[in-house]
Amino acid sequence: VNTALMYTGRIKMFSLIPGMFFGFA
């Protein structure tokens, strides 16, 4: 799942990967 999250960061809309980890945590 974390690998999927990181690859999702390649999509411009989700490119702020730290933002995803803030939501994750």
mmCIF file of all heavy atoms, coordinates in Angstrom:
data_MODEL
# 
_entry.id   MODEL 
# 
loop_
_atom_site.group_PDB 
_atom_site.id 
_atom_site.type_symbol 
_atom_site.label_atom_id 
_atom_site.label_alt_id 
_atom_site.label_comp_id 
_atom_site.label_asym_id 
_atom_site.label_entity_id 
_atom_site.label_seq_id 
_atom_site.pdbx_PDB_ins_code 
_atom_site.Cartn_x 
_atom_site.Cartn_y 
_atom_site.Cartn_z 
_atom_site.occupancy 
_atom_site.B_iso_or_equiv 
_atom_site.pdbx_formal_charge 
_atom_site.auth_seq_id 
_atom_site.auth_comp_id 
_atom_site.auth_asym_id 
_atom_site.auth_atom_id 
_atom_site.pdbx_PDB_model_num 
ATOM 1   N N   . VAL A 1 1  ? 0.830  -1.213 0.000   1.00 0.00 ? 1  VAL A N   1 
ATOM 2   C CA  . VAL A 1 1  ? 0.000  0.000  0.000   1.00 0.00 ? 1  VAL A CA  1 
ATOM 3   C C   . VAL A 1 1  ? 0.863  1.261  0.000   1.00 0.00 ? 1  VAL A C   1 
ATOM 4   O O   . VAL A 1 1  ? 0.561  2.234  -0.698  1.00 0.00 ? 1  VAL A O   1 
ATOM 5   C CB  . VAL A 1 1  ? -0.989 -0.003 1.192   1.00 0.00 ? 1  VAL A CB  1 
ATOM 6   C CG1 . VAL A 1 1  ? -1.790 1.294  1.245   1.00 0.00 ? 1  VAL A CG1 1 
ATOM 7   C CG2 . VAL A 1 1  ? -1.925 -1.202 1.096   1.00 0.00 ? 1  VAL A CG2 1 
ATOM 8   N N   . ASN A 1 2  ? 1.946  1.250  0.753   1.00 0.00 ? 2  ASN A N   1 
ATOM 9   C CA  . ASN A 1 2  ? 2.817  2.421  0.777   1.00 0.00 ? 2  ASN A CA  1 
ATOM 10  C C   . ASN A 1 2  ? 3.470  2.641  -0.592  1.00 0.00 ? 2  ASN A C   1 
ATOM 11  O O   . ASN A 1 2  ? 3.659  3.783  -1.025  1.00 0.00 ? 2  ASN A O   1 
ATOM 12  C CB  . ASN A 1 2  ? 3.889  2.271  1.857   1.00 0.00 ? 2  ASN A CB  1 
ATOM 13  C CG  . ASN A 1 2  ? 4.583  3.582  2.152   1.00 0.00 ? 2  ASN A CG  1 
ATOM 14  O OD1 . ASN A 1 2  ? 3.996  4.464  2.742   1.00 0.00 ? 2  ASN A OD1 1 
ATOM 15  N ND2 . ASN A 1 2  ? 5.823  3.721  1.709   1.00 0.00 ? 2  ASN A ND2 1 
ATOM 16  N N   . THR A 1 3  ? 3.804  1.553  -1.273  1.00 0.00 ? 3  THR A N   1 
ATOM 17  C CA  . THR A 1 3  ? 4.357  1.677  -2.626  1.00 0.00 ? 3  THR A CA  1 
ATOM 18  C C   . THR A 1 3  ? 3.329  2.329  -3.547  1.00 0.00 ? 3  THR A C   1 
ATOM 19  O O   . THR A 1 3  ? 3.656  3.220  -4.339  1.00 0.00 ? 3  THR A O   1 
ATOM 20  C CB  . THR A 1 3  ? 4.763  0.300  -3.179  1.00 0.00 ? 3  THR A CB  1 
ATOM 21  O OG1 . THR A 1 3  ? 5.740  -0.272 -2.297  1.00 0.00 ? 3  THR A OG1 1 
ATOM 22  C CG2 . THR A 1 3  ? 5.350  0.412  -4.572  1.00 0.00 ? 3  THR A CG2 1 
ATOM 23  N N   . ALA A 1 4  ? 2.069  1.922  -3.408  1.00 0.00 ? 4  ALA A N   1 
ATOM 24  C CA  . ALA A 1 4  ? 1.000  2.523  -4.216  1.00 0.00 ? 4  ALA A CA  1 
ATOM 25  C C   . ALA A 1 4  ? 0.865  4.010  -3.894  1.00 0.00 ? 4  ALA A C   1 
ATOM 26  O O   . ALA A 1 4  ? 0.690  4.846  -4.796  1.00 0.00 ? 4  ALA A O   1 
ATOM 27  C CB  . ALA A 1 4  ? -0.320 1.806  -3.958  1.00 0.00 ? 4  ALA A CB  1 
ATOM 28  N N   . LEU A 1 5  ? 0.964  4.360  -2.607  1.00 0.00 ? 5  LEU A N   1 
ATOM 29  C CA  . LEU A 1 5  ? 0.899  5.767  -2.204  1.00 0.00 ? 5  LEU A CA  1 
ATOM 30  C C   . LEU A 1 5  ? 2.022  6.569  -2.868  1.00 0.00 ? 5  LEU A C   1 
ATOM 31  O O   . LEU A 1 5  ? 1.784  7.648  -3.425  1.00 0.00 ? 5  LEU A O   1 
ATOM 32  C CB  . LEU A 1 5  ? 0.988  5.872  -0.673  1.00 0.00 ? 5  LEU A CB  1 
ATOM 33  C CG  . LEU A 1 5  ? 0.918  7.262  -0.053  1.00 0.00 ? 5  LEU A CG  1 
ATOM 34  C CD1 . LEU A 1 5  ? 0.359  7.189  1.362   1.00 0.00 ? 5  LEU A CD1 1 
ATOM 35  C CD2 . LEU A 1 5  ? 2.264  7.962  -0.008  1.00 0.00 ? 5  LEU A CD2 1 
ATOM 36  N N   . MET A 1 6  ? 3.220  6.037  -2.810  1.00 0.00 ? 6  MET A N   1 
ATOM 37  C CA  . MET A 1 6  ? 4.367  6.756  -3.373  1.00 0.00 ? 6  MET A CA  1 
ATOM 38  C C   . MET A 1 6  ? 4.230  6.940  -4.885  1.00 0.00 ? 6  MET A C   1 
ATOM 39  O O   . MET A 1 6  ? 4.539  8.003  -5.415  1.00 0.00 ? 6  MET A O   1 
ATOM 40  C CB  . MET A 1 6  ? 5.666  6.019  -3.046  1.00 0.00 ? 6  MET A CB  1 
ATOM 41  C CG  . MET A 1 6  ? 5.951  5.897  -1.559  1.00 0.00 ? 6  MET A CG  1 
ATOM 42  S SD  . MET A 1 6  ? 6.321  7.471  -0.775  1.00 0.00 ? 6  MET A SD  1 
ATOM 43  C CE  . MET A 1 6  ? 7.975  7.731  -1.346  1.00 0.00 ? 6  MET A CE  1 
ATOM 44  N N   . TYR A 1 7  ? 3.753  5.909  -5.566  1.00 0.00 ? 7  TYR A N   1 
ATOM 45  C CA  . TYR A 1 7  ? 3.555  6.033  -7.021  1.00 0.00 ? 7  TYR A CA  1 
ATOM 46  C C   . TYR A 1 7  ? 2.418  7.004  -7.342  1.00 0.00 ? 7  TYR A C   1 
ATOM 47  O O   . TYR A 1 7  ? 2.456  7.693  -8.358  1.00 0.00 ? 7  TYR A O   1 
ATOM 48  C CB  . TYR A 1 7  ? 3.293  4.670  -7.652  1.00 0.00 ? 7  TYR A CB  1 
ATOM 49  C CG  . TYR A 1 7  ? 4.566  3.963  -8.060  1.00 0.00 ? 7  TYR A CG  1 
ATOM 50  C CD1 . TYR A 1 7  ? 5.052  2.876  -7.334  1.00 0.00 ? 7  TYR A CD1 1 
ATOM 51  C CD2 . TYR A 1 7  ? 5.295  4.388  -9.156  1.00 0.00 ? 7  TYR A CD2 1 
ATOM 52  C CE1 . TYR A 1 7  ? 6.222  2.236  -7.691  1.00 0.00 ? 7  TYR A CE1 1 
ATOM 53  C CE2 . TYR A 1 7  ? 6.470  3.750  -9.531  1.00 0.00 ? 7  TYR A CE2 1 
ATOM 54  C CZ  . TYR A 1 7  ? 6.930  2.677  -8.792  1.00 0.00 ? 7  TYR A CZ  1 
ATOM 55  O OH  . TYR A 1 7  ? 8.099  2.052  -9.151  1.00 0.00 ? 7  TYR A OH  1 
ATOM 56  N N   . THR A 1 8  ? 1.433  7.069  -6.479  1.00 0.00 ? 8  THR A N   1 
ATOM 57  C CA  . THR A 1 8  ? 0.340  8.031  -6.668  1.00 0.00 ? 8  THR A CA  1 
ATOM 58  C C   . THR A 1 8  ? 0.880  9.455  -6.663  1.00 0.00 ? 8  THR A C   1 
ATOM 59  O O   . THR A 1 8  ? 0.353  10.337 -7.342  1.00 0.00 ? 8  THR A O   1 
ATOM 60  C CB  . THR A 1 8  ? -0.734 7.844  -5.575  1.00 0.00 ? 8  THR A CB  1 
ATOM 61  O OG1 . THR A 1 8  ? -1.236 6.512  -5.657  1.00 0.00 ? 8  THR A OG1 1 
ATOM 62  C CG2 . THR A 1 8  ? -1.875 8.829  -5.745  1.00 0.00 ? 8  THR A CG2 1 
ATOM 63  N N   . GLY A 1 9  ? 1.958  9.673  -5.922  1.00 0.00 ? 9  GLY A N   1 
ATOM 64  C CA  . GLY A 1 9  ? 2.590  10.990 -5.883  1.00 0.00 ? 9  GLY A CA  1 
ATOM 65  C C   . GLY A 1 9  ? 3.114  11.460 -7.225  1.00 0.00 ? 9  GLY A C   1 
ATOM 66  O O   . GLY A 1 9  ? 3.434  12.641 -7.400  1.00 0.00 ? 9  GLY A O   1 
ATOM 67  N N   . ARG A 1 10 ? 3.185  10.568 -8.206  1.00 0.00 ? 10 ARG A N   1 
ATOM 68  C CA  . ARG A 1 10 ? 3.622  10.962 -9.547  1.00 0.00 ? 10 ARG A CA  1 
ATOM 69  C C   . ARG A 1 10 ? 2.510  11.659 -10.326 1.00 0.00 ? 10 ARG A C   1 
ATOM 70  O O   . ARG A 1 10 ? 2.758  12.274 -11.354 1.00 0.00 ? 10 ARG A O   1 
ATOM 71  C CB  . ARG A 1 10 ? 4.118  9.751  -10.324 1.00 0.00 ? 10 ARG A CB  1 
ATOM 72  C CG  . ARG A 1 10 ? 5.384  9.169  -9.729  1.00 0.00 ? 10 ARG A CG  1 
ATOM 73  C CD  . ARG A 1 10 ? 5.943  8.072  -10.582 1.00 0.00 ? 10 ARG A CD  1 
ATOM 74  N NE  . ARG A 1 10 ? 7.171  7.556  -9.990  1.00 0.00 ? 10 ARG A NE  1 
ATOM 75  C CZ  . ARG A 1 10 ? 8.082  6.891  -10.672 1.00 0.00 ? 10 ARG A CZ  1 
ATOM 76  N NH1 . ARG A 1 10 ? 7.920  6.667  -11.959 1.00 0.00 ? 10 ARG A NH1 1 
ATOM 77  N NH2 . ARG A 1 10 ? 9.160  6.450  -10.065 1.00 0.00 ? 10 ARG A NH2 1 
ATOM 78  N N   . ILE A 1 11 ? 1.290  11.535 -9.831  1.00 0.00 ? 11 ILE A N   1 
ATOM 79  C CA  . ILE A 1 11 ? 0.165  12.248 -10.436 1.00 0.00 ? 11 ILE A CA  1 
ATOM 80  C C   . ILE A 1 11 ? 0.194  13.669 -9.888  1.00 0.00 ? 11 ILE A C   1 
ATOM 81  O O   . ILE A 1 11 ? 0.290  13.870 -8.672  1.00 0.00 ? 11 ILE A O   1 
ATOM 82  C CB  . ILE A 1 11 ? -1.172 11.564 -10.082 1.00 0.00 ? 11 ILE A CB  1 
ATOM 83  C CG1 . ILE A 1 11 ? -1.173 10.118 -10.585 1.00 0.00 ? 11 ILE A CG1 1 
ATOM 84  C CG2 . ILE A 1 11 ? -2.355 12.354 -10.650 1.00 0.00 ? 11 ILE A CG2 1 
ATOM 85  C CD1 . ILE A 1 11 ? -2.321 9.279  -10.051 1.00 0.00 ? 11 ILE A CD1 1 
ATOM 86  N N   . LYS A 1 12 ? 0.117  14.638 -10.763 1.00 0.00 ? 12 LYS A N   1 
ATOM 87  C CA  . LYS A 1 12 ? 0.292  16.043 -10.358 1.00 0.00 ? 12 LYS A CA  1 
ATOM 88  C C   . LYS A 1 12 ? -0.601 16.439 -9.186  1.00 0.00 ? 12 LYS A C   1 
ATOM 89  O O   . LYS A 1 12 ? -0.172 17.104 -8.253  1.00 0.00 ? 12 LYS A O   1 
ATOM 90  C CB  . LYS A 1 12 ? 0.040  16.959 -11.551 1.00 0.00 ? 12 LYS A CB  1 
ATOM 91  C CG  . LYS A 1 12 ? 0.305  18.413 -11.247 1.00 0.00 ? 12 LYS A CG  1 
ATOM 92  C CD  . LYS A 1 12 ? 0.153  19.297 -12.441 1.00 0.00 ? 12 LYS A CD  1 
ATOM 93  C CE  . LYS A 1 12 ? 0.464  20.723 -12.033 1.00 0.00 ? 12 LYS A CE  1 
ATOM 94  N NZ  . LYS A 1 12 ? 0.314  21.665 -13.128 1.00 0.00 ? 12 LYS A NZ  1 
ATOM 95  N N   . MET A 1 13 ? -1.834 16.030 -9.238  1.00 0.00 ? 13 MET A N   1 
ATOM 96  C CA  . MET A 1 13 ? -2.799 16.392 -8.201  1.00 0.00 ? 13 MET A CA  1 
ATOM 97  C C   . MET A 1 13 ? -2.387 15.888 -6.810  1.00 0.00 ? 13 MET A C   1 
ATOM 98  O O   . MET A 1 13 ? -2.744 16.468 -5.798  1.00 0.00 ? 13 MET A O   1 
ATOM 99  C CB  . MET A 1 13 ? -4.140 15.805 -8.628  1.00 0.00 ? 13 MET A CB  1 
ATOM 100 C CG  . MET A 1 13 ? -5.252 15.885 -7.685  1.00 0.00 ? 13 MET A CG  1 
ATOM 101 S SD  . MET A 1 13 ? -6.688 15.166 -8.514  1.00 0.00 ? 13 MET A SD  1 
ATOM 102 C CE  . MET A 1 13 ? -7.877 15.477 -7.266  1.00 0.00 ? 13 MET A CE  1 
ATOM 103 N N   . PHE A 1 14 ? -1.630 14.794 -6.774  1.00 0.00 ? 14 PHE A N   1 
ATOM 104 C CA  . PHE A 1 14 ? -1.206 14.189 -5.509  1.00 0.00 ? 14 PHE A CA  1 
ATOM 105 C C   . PHE A 1 14 ? 0.306  14.290 -5.301  1.00 0.00 ? 14 PHE A C   1 
ATOM 106 O O   . PHE A 1 14 ? 0.885  13.526 -4.540  1.00 0.00 ? 14 PHE A O   1 
ATOM 107 C CB  . PHE A 1 14 ? -1.633 12.717 -5.468  1.00 0.00 ? 14 PHE A CB  1 
ATOM 108 C CG  . PHE A 1 14 ? -3.101 12.510 -5.611  1.00 0.00 ? 14 PHE A CG  1 
ATOM 109 C CD1 . PHE A 1 14 ? -3.627 11.955 -6.770  1.00 0.00 ? 14 PHE A CD1 1 
ATOM 110 C CD2 . PHE A 1 14 ? -3.973 12.891 -4.611  1.00 0.00 ? 14 PHE A CD2 1 
ATOM 111 C CE1 . PHE A 1 14 ? -4.994 11.761 -6.918  1.00 0.00 ? 14 PHE A CE1 1 
ATOM 112 C CE2 . PHE A 1 14 ? -5.342 12.706 -4.750  1.00 0.00 ? 14 PHE A CE2 1 
ATOM 113 C CZ  . PHE A 1 14 ? -5.854 12.151 -5.912  1.00 0.00 ? 14 PHE A CZ  1 
ATOM 114 N N   . SER A 1 15 ? 0.935  15.235 -5.969  1.00 0.00 ? 15 SER A N   1 
ATOM 115 C CA  . SER A 1 15 ? 2.405  15.307 -5.959  1.00 0.00 ? 15 SER A CA  1 
ATOM 116 C C   . SER A 1 15 ? 2.989  15.766 -4.628  1.00 0.00 ? 15 SER A C   1 
ATOM 117 O O   . SER A 1 15 ? 4.184  15.619 -4.409  1.00 0.00 ? 15 SER A O   1 
ATOM 118 C CB  . SER A 1 15 ? 2.897  16.212 -7.089  1.00 0.00 ? 15 SER A CB  1 
ATOM 119 O OG  . SER A 1 15 ? 2.417  17.526 -6.901  1.00 0.00 ? 15 SER A OG  1 
ATOM 120 N N   . LEU A 1 16 ? 2.168  16.316 -3.748  1.00 0.00 ? 16 LEU A N   1 
ATOM 121 C CA  . LEU A 1 16 ? 2.668  16.717 -2.426  1.00 0.00 ? 16 LEU A CA  1 
ATOM 122 C C   . LEU A 1 16 ? 2.661  15.478 -1.521  1.00 0.00 ? 16 LEU A C   1 
ATOM 123 O O   . LEU A 1 16 ? 1.767  15.288 -0.703  1.00 0.00 ? 16 LEU A O   1 
ATOM 124 C CB  . LEU A 1 16 ? 1.811  17.845 -1.844  1.00 0.00 ? 16 LEU A CB  1 
ATOM 125 C CG  . LEU A 1 16 ? 2.277  18.404 -0.508  1.00 0.00 ? 16 LEU A CG  1 
ATOM 126 C CD1 . LEU A 1 16 ? 3.637  19.090 -0.625  1.00 0.00 ? 16 LEU A CD1 1 
ATOM 127 C CD2 . LEU A 1 16 ? 1.241  19.356 0.059   1.00 0.00 ? 16 LEU A CD2 1 
ATOM 128 N N   . ILE A 1 17 ? 3.670  14.647 -1.676  1.00 0.00 ? 17 ILE A N   1 
ATOM 129 C CA  . ILE A 1 17 ? 3.717  13.380 -0.932  1.00 0.00 ? 17 ILE A CA  1 
ATOM 130 C C   . ILE A 1 17 ? 3.735  13.595 0.583   1.00 0.00 ? 17 ILE A C   1 
ATOM 131 O O   . ILE A 1 17 ? 3.050  12.870 1.314   1.00 0.00 ? 17 ILE A O   1 
ATOM 132 C CB  . ILE A 1 17 ? 4.902  12.512 -1.413  1.00 0.00 ? 17 ILE A CB  1 
ATOM 133 C CG1 . ILE A 1 17 ? 4.636  12.066 -2.863  1.00 0.00 ? 17 ILE A CG1 1 
ATOM 134 C CG2 . ILE A 1 17 ? 5.091  11.296 -0.521  1.00 0.00 ? 17 ILE A CG2 1 
ATOM 135 C CD1 . ILE A 1 17 ? 5.755  11.296 -3.514  1.00 0.00 ? 17 ILE A CD1 1 
ATOM 136 N N   . PRO A 1 18 ? 4.448  14.606 1.122   1.00 0.00 ? 18 PRO A N   1 
ATOM 137 C CA  . PRO A 1 18 ? 4.344  14.829 2.571   1.00 0.00 ? 18 PRO A CA  1 
ATOM 138 C C   . PRO A 1 18 ? 2.905  15.076 3.024   1.00 0.00 ? 18 PRO A C   1 
ATOM 139 O O   . PRO A 1 18 ? 2.512  14.652 4.106   1.00 0.00 ? 18 PRO A O   1 
ATOM 140 C CB  . PRO A 1 18 ? 5.232  16.057 2.810   1.00 0.00 ? 18 PRO A CB  1 
ATOM 141 C CG  . PRO A 1 18 ? 6.231  16.000 1.704   1.00 0.00 ? 18 PRO A CG  1 
ATOM 142 C CD  . PRO A 1 18 ? 5.471  15.476 0.513   1.00 0.00 ? 18 PRO A CD  1 
ATOM 143 N N   . GLY A 1 19 ? 2.108  15.726 2.179   1.00 0.00 ? 19 GLY A N   1 
ATOM 144 C CA  . GLY A 1 19 ? 0.697  15.935 2.511   1.00 0.00 ? 19 GLY A CA  1 
ATOM 145 C C   . GLY A 1 19 ? -0.033 14.611 2.663   1.00 0.00 ? 19 GLY A C   1 
ATOM 146 O O   . GLY A 1 19 ? -0.859 14.439 3.565   1.00 0.00 ? 19 GLY A O   1 
ATOM 147 N N   . MET A 1 20 ? 0.287  13.652 1.786   1.00 0.00 ? 20 MET A N   1 
ATOM 148 C CA  . MET A 1 20 ? -0.343 12.330 1.917   1.00 0.00 ? 20 MET A CA  1 
ATOM 149 C C   . MET A 1 20 ? 0.080  11.669 3.219   1.00 0.00 ? 20 MET A C   1 
ATOM 150 O O   . MET A 1 20 ? -0.734 11.030 3.893   1.00 0.00 ? 20 MET A O   1 
ATOM 151 C CB  . MET A 1 20 ? 0.004  11.451 0.709   1.00 0.00 ? 20 MET A CB  1 
ATOM 152 C CG  . MET A 1 20 ? -0.786 11.819 -0.529  1.00 0.00 ? 20 MET A CG  1 
ATOM 153 S SD  . MET A 1 20 ? -0.837 10.513 -1.770  1.00 0.00 ? 20 MET A SD  1 
ATOM 154 C CE  . MET A 1 20 ? 0.752  10.749 -2.558  1.00 0.00 ? 20 MET A CE  1 
ATOM 155 N N   . PHE A 1 21 ? 1.338  11.833 3.599   1.00 0.00 ? 21 PHE A N   1 
ATOM 156 C CA  . PHE A 1 21 ? 1.788  11.222 4.853   1.00 0.00 ? 21 PHE A CA  1 
ATOM 157 C C   . PHE A 1 21 ? 1.205  11.926 6.079   1.00 0.00 ? 21 PHE A C   1 
ATOM 158 O O   . PHE A 1 21 ? 0.974  11.282 7.107   1.00 0.00 ? 21 PHE A O   1 
ATOM 159 C CB  . PHE A 1 21 ? 3.314  11.160 4.912   1.00 0.00 ? 21 PHE A CB  1 
ATOM 160 C CG  . PHE A 1 21 ? 3.854  9.969  4.177   1.00 0.00 ? 21 PHE A CG  1 
ATOM 161 C CD1 . PHE A 1 21 ? 4.434  10.105 2.930   1.00 0.00 ? 21 PHE A CD1 1 
ATOM 162 C CD2 . PHE A 1 21 ? 3.746  8.690  4.712   1.00 0.00 ? 21 PHE A CD2 1 
ATOM 163 C CE1 . PHE A 1 21 ? 4.910  9.002  2.230   1.00 0.00 ? 21 PHE A CE1 1 
ATOM 164 C CE2 . PHE A 1 21 ? 4.226  7.578  4.038   1.00 0.00 ? 21 PHE A CE2 1 
ATOM 165 C CZ  . PHE A 1 21 ? 4.804  7.733  2.783   1.00 0.00 ? 21 PHE A CZ  1 
ATOM 166 N N   . PHE A 1 22 ? 0.934  13.230 5.983   1.00 0.00 ? 22 PHE A N   1 
ATOM 167 C CA  . PHE A 1 22 ? 0.244  13.908 7.092   1.00 0.00 ? 22 PHE A CA  1 
ATOM 168 C C   . PHE A 1 22 ? -1.145 13.295 7.281   1.00 0.00 ? 22 PHE A C   1 
ATOM 169 O O   . PHE A 1 22 ? -1.587 13.046 8.402   1.00 0.00 ? 22 PHE A O   1 
ATOM 170 C CB  . PHE A 1 22 ? 0.119  15.408 6.827   1.00 0.00 ? 22 PHE A CB  1 
ATOM 171 C CG  . PHE A 1 22 ? 1.420  16.165 6.877   1.00 0.00 ? 22 PHE A CG  1 
ATOM 172 C CD1 . PHE A 1 22 ? 1.630  17.258 6.047   1.00 0.00 ? 22 PHE A CD1 1 
ATOM 173 C CD2 . PHE A 1 22 ? 2.438  15.802 7.741   1.00 0.00 ? 22 PHE A CD2 1 
ATOM 174 C CE1 . PHE A 1 22 ? 2.823  17.966 6.077   1.00 0.00 ? 22 PHE A CE1 1 
ATOM 175 C CE2 . PHE A 1 22 ? 3.639  16.497 7.775   1.00 0.00 ? 22 PHE A CE2 1 
ATOM 176 C CZ  . PHE A 1 22 ? 3.825  17.588 6.945   1.00 0.00 ? 22 PHE A CZ  1 
ATOM 177 N N   . GLY A 1 23 ? -1.842 13.068 6.172   1.00 0.00 ? 23 GLY A N   1 
ATOM 178 C CA  . GLY A 1 23 ? -3.158 12.446 6.251   1.00 0.00 ? 23 GLY A CA  1 
ATOM 179 C C   . GLY A 1 23 ? -3.089 10.997 6.707   1.00 0.00 ? 23 GLY A C   1 
ATOM 180 O O   . GLY A 1 23 ? -3.928 10.519 7.483   1.00 0.00 ? 23 GLY A O   1 
ATOM 181 N N   . PHE A 1 24 ? -2.077 10.293 6.237   1.00 0.00 ? 24 PHE A N   1 
ATOM 182 C CA  . PHE A 1 24 ? -1.807 8.896  6.590   1.00 0.00 ? 24 PHE A CA  1 
ATOM 183 C C   . PHE A 1 24 ? -1.657 8.773  8.111   1.00 0.00 ? 24 PHE A C   1 
ATOM 184 O O   . PHE A 1 24 ? -2.341 7.981  8.768   1.00 0.00 ? 24 PHE A O   1 
ATOM 185 C CB  . PHE A 1 24 ? -0.517 8.514  5.868   1.00 0.00 ? 24 PHE A CB  1 
ATOM 186 C CG  . PHE A 1 24 ? -0.129 7.071  5.849   1.00 0.00 ? 24 PHE A CG  1 
ATOM 187 C CD1 . PHE A 1 24 ? -0.700 6.204  4.931   1.00 0.00 ? 24 PHE A CD1 1 
ATOM 188 C CD2 . PHE A 1 24 ? 0.862  6.576  6.688   1.00 0.00 ? 24 PHE A CD2 1 
ATOM 189 C CE1 . PHE A 1 24 ? -0.295 4.864  4.851   1.00 0.00 ? 24 PHE A CE1 1 
ATOM 190 C CE2 . PHE A 1 24 ? 1.261  5.262  6.623   1.00 0.00 ? 24 PHE A CE2 1 
ATOM 191 C CZ  . PHE A 1 24 ? 0.679  4.396  5.709   1.00 0.00 ? 24 PHE A CZ  1 
ATOM 192 N N   . ALA A 1 25 ? -0.758 9.585  8.672   1.00 0.00 ? 25 ALA A N   1 
ATOM 193 C CA  . ALA A 1 25 ? -0.501 9.540  10.114  1.00 0.00 ? 25 ALA A CA  1 
ATOM 194 C C   . ALA A 1 25 ? -1.716 10.014 10.914  1.00 0.00 ? 25 ALA A C   1 
ATOM 195 O O   . ALA A 1 25 ? -2.025 9.458  11.980  1.00 0.00 ? 25 ALA A O   1 
ATOM 196 C CB  . ALA A 1 25 ? 0.716  10.396 10.448  1.00 0.00 ? 25 ALA A CB  1 
# 
